[in-house]
């Protein structure tokens, strides 16, 4: 298994933050965040889309255990999975926006292809 970045947070806070980022990303189709958070969010979101493409009950329950909103899961299984049915990975795209004004952290926009 690949090593996960710690993102300067305790485990419970990191998991909660990533769950919220993935849920918001799949809800809106686009988020702006730091580059390291975006990379972790991308990995998890692509895993959720791959599970949604499977489409069975077990996959739905696995996604529901991670994503916090039921409406987002319905949208993921009904619309997003159908949109990427012919695509084998690479569901997301990142655009670099430059450094953030306060702390010079590299900002990116993460969006669905």
Protein backbone atom coordinates (compact mmCIF):
# COMPACT_ATOMS: atom_id res chain seq x y z
CA UNK A 1 0.00 0.00 0.00
CA UNK A 2 1.25 3.46 -0.86
CA UNK A 3 2.29 5.75 1.97
CA UNK A 4 -0.24 8.44 2.82
CA UNK A 5 0.85 12.00 3.58
CA UNK A 6 0.26 13.13 7.15
CA UNK A 7 -0.62 16.74 6.19
CA UNK A 8 0.45 17.99 9.62
CA UNK A 9 -2.60 16.62 11.42
CA UNK A 10 -3.48 13.79 13.80
CA UNK A 11 -5.03 10.72 12.17
CA UNK A 12 -8.66 11.45 13.09
CA UNK A 13 -8.48 15.06 11.91
CA UNK A 14 -6.71 14.06 8.69
CA UNK A 15 -9.33 11.41 7.88
CA UNK A 16 -12.17 13.85 8.59
CA UNK A 17 -10.56 16.56 6.44
CA UNK A 18 -10.03 14.17 3.50
CA UNK A 19 -13.59 12.83 3.77
CA UNK A 20 -14.91 16.40 3.64
CA UNK A 21 -12.62 17.33 0.72
CA UNK A 22 -13.65 14.26 -1.31
CA UNK A 23 -17.35 14.84 -0.55
CA UNK A 24 -17.13 18.51 -1.56
CA UNK A 25 -15.13 17.63 -4.67
CA UNK A 26 -17.65 15.05 -5.87
CA UNK A 27 -20.57 17.34 -4.95
CA UNK A 28 -19.32 20.39 -6.85
CA UNK A 29 -16.99 18.75 -9.40
CA UNK A 30 -14.28 21.29 -8.61
CA UNK A 31 -12.36 22.54 -5.55
CA UNK A 32 -9.44 24.86 -4.86
CA UNK A 33 -6.95 23.67 -2.24
CA UNK A 34 -3.24 23.21 -1.63
CA UNK A 35 -1.28 20.89 -3.89
CA UNK A 36 -0.57 18.18 -1.31
CA UNK A 37 -4.20 18.05 -0.16
CA UNK A 38 -5.33 17.94 -3.79
CA UNK A 39 -3.10 14.95 -4.54
CA UNK A 40 -4.51 12.98 -1.60
CA UNK A 41 -8.06 14.04 -2.52
CA UNK A 42 -7.50 12.98 -6.13
CA UNK A 43 -6.33 9.51 -5.09
CA UNK A 44 -9.37 8.94 -2.89
CA UNK A 45 -11.86 10.46 -5.34
CA UNK A 46 -10.61 8.27 -8.19
CA UNK A 47 -10.99 5.24 -5.94
CA UNK A 48 -14.60 6.26 -5.17
CA UNK A 49 -15.39 6.71 -8.89
CA UNK A 50 -13.90 3.30 -9.67
CA UNK A 51 -16.09 1.75 -6.96
CA UNK A 52 -19.13 3.56 -8.37
CA UNK A 53 -18.38 2.15 -11.83
CA UNK A 54 -18.65 -1.34 -10.32
CA UNK A 55 -22.16 -0.39 -9.26
CA UNK A 56 -23.01 -3.29 -6.94
CA UNK A 57 -24.38 -3.07 -3.40
CA UNK A 58 -21.05 -3.80 -1.73
CA UNK A 59 -19.35 -0.98 -3.68
CA UNK A 60 -22.18 1.41 -2.71
CA UNK A 61 -21.75 0.54 0.96
CA UNK A 62 -17.99 1.00 0.73
CA UNK A 63 -18.49 4.47 -0.77
CA UNK A 64 -21.16 5.34 1.81
CA UNK A 65 -18.72 4.45 4.60
CA UNK A 66 -16.37 7.19 3.34
CA UNK A 67 -18.52 9.93 1.73
CA UNK A 68 -20.59 11.90 4.22
CA UNK A 69 -23.63 12.86 2.10
CA UNK A 70 -26.11 10.38 0.66
CA UNK A 71 -27.10 12.70 -2.22
CA UNK A 72 -23.48 12.83 -3.37
CA UNK A 73 -23.36 9.01 -3.41
CA UNK A 74 -26.57 8.83 -5.46
CA UNK A 75 -25.17 11.34 -7.94
CA UNK A 76 -21.85 9.47 -8.05
CA UNK A 77 -23.46 6.12 -8.86
CA UNK A 78 -26.13 7.42 -11.26
CA UNK A 79 -24.40 10.21 -13.20
CA UNK A 80 -20.64 10.24 -12.66
CA UNK A 81 -20.15 6.47 -13.04
CA UNK A 82 -22.10 6.50 -16.32
CA UNK A 83 -20.04 9.46 -17.57
CA UNK A 84 -16.74 7.59 -17.00
CA UNK A 85 -17.92 4.08 -17.96
CA UNK A 86 -15.55 3.89 -20.94
CA UNK A 87 -12.61 5.58 -19.20
CA UNK A 88 -9.96 3.56 -17.34
CA UNK A 89 -8.77 5.99 -14.66
CA UNK A 90 -7.62 9.58 -14.93
CA UNK A 91 -10.94 11.14 -13.92
CA UNK A 92 -9.41 14.30 -12.46
CA UNK A 93 -7.29 17.25 -13.61
CA UNK A 94 -5.18 19.72 -11.60
CA UNK A 95 -4.37 23.31 -12.56
CA UNK A 96 -1.66 25.16 -10.65
CA UNK A 97 -2.77 28.60 -9.46
CA UNK A 98 0.51 29.82 -7.93
CA UNK A 99 1.46 30.48 -4.31
CA UNK A 100 -1.04 31.51 -1.65
CA UNK A 101 -0.56 35.05 -0.38
CA UNK A 102 -0.34 34.27 3.35
CA UNK A 103 2.04 31.31 3.55
CA UNK A 104 3.15 30.76 -0.07
CA UNK A 105 1.56 27.30 -0.18
CA UNK A 106 1.09 26.11 -3.79
CA UNK A 107 -2.62 26.35 -4.67
CA UNK A 108 -4.29 24.19 -7.32
CA UNK A 109 -7.76 23.72 -8.75
CA UNK A 110 -8.84 20.08 -8.82
CA UNK A 111 -11.68 19.25 -11.20
CA UNK A 112 -13.37 16.32 -12.86
CA UNK A 113 -12.34 15.77 -16.49
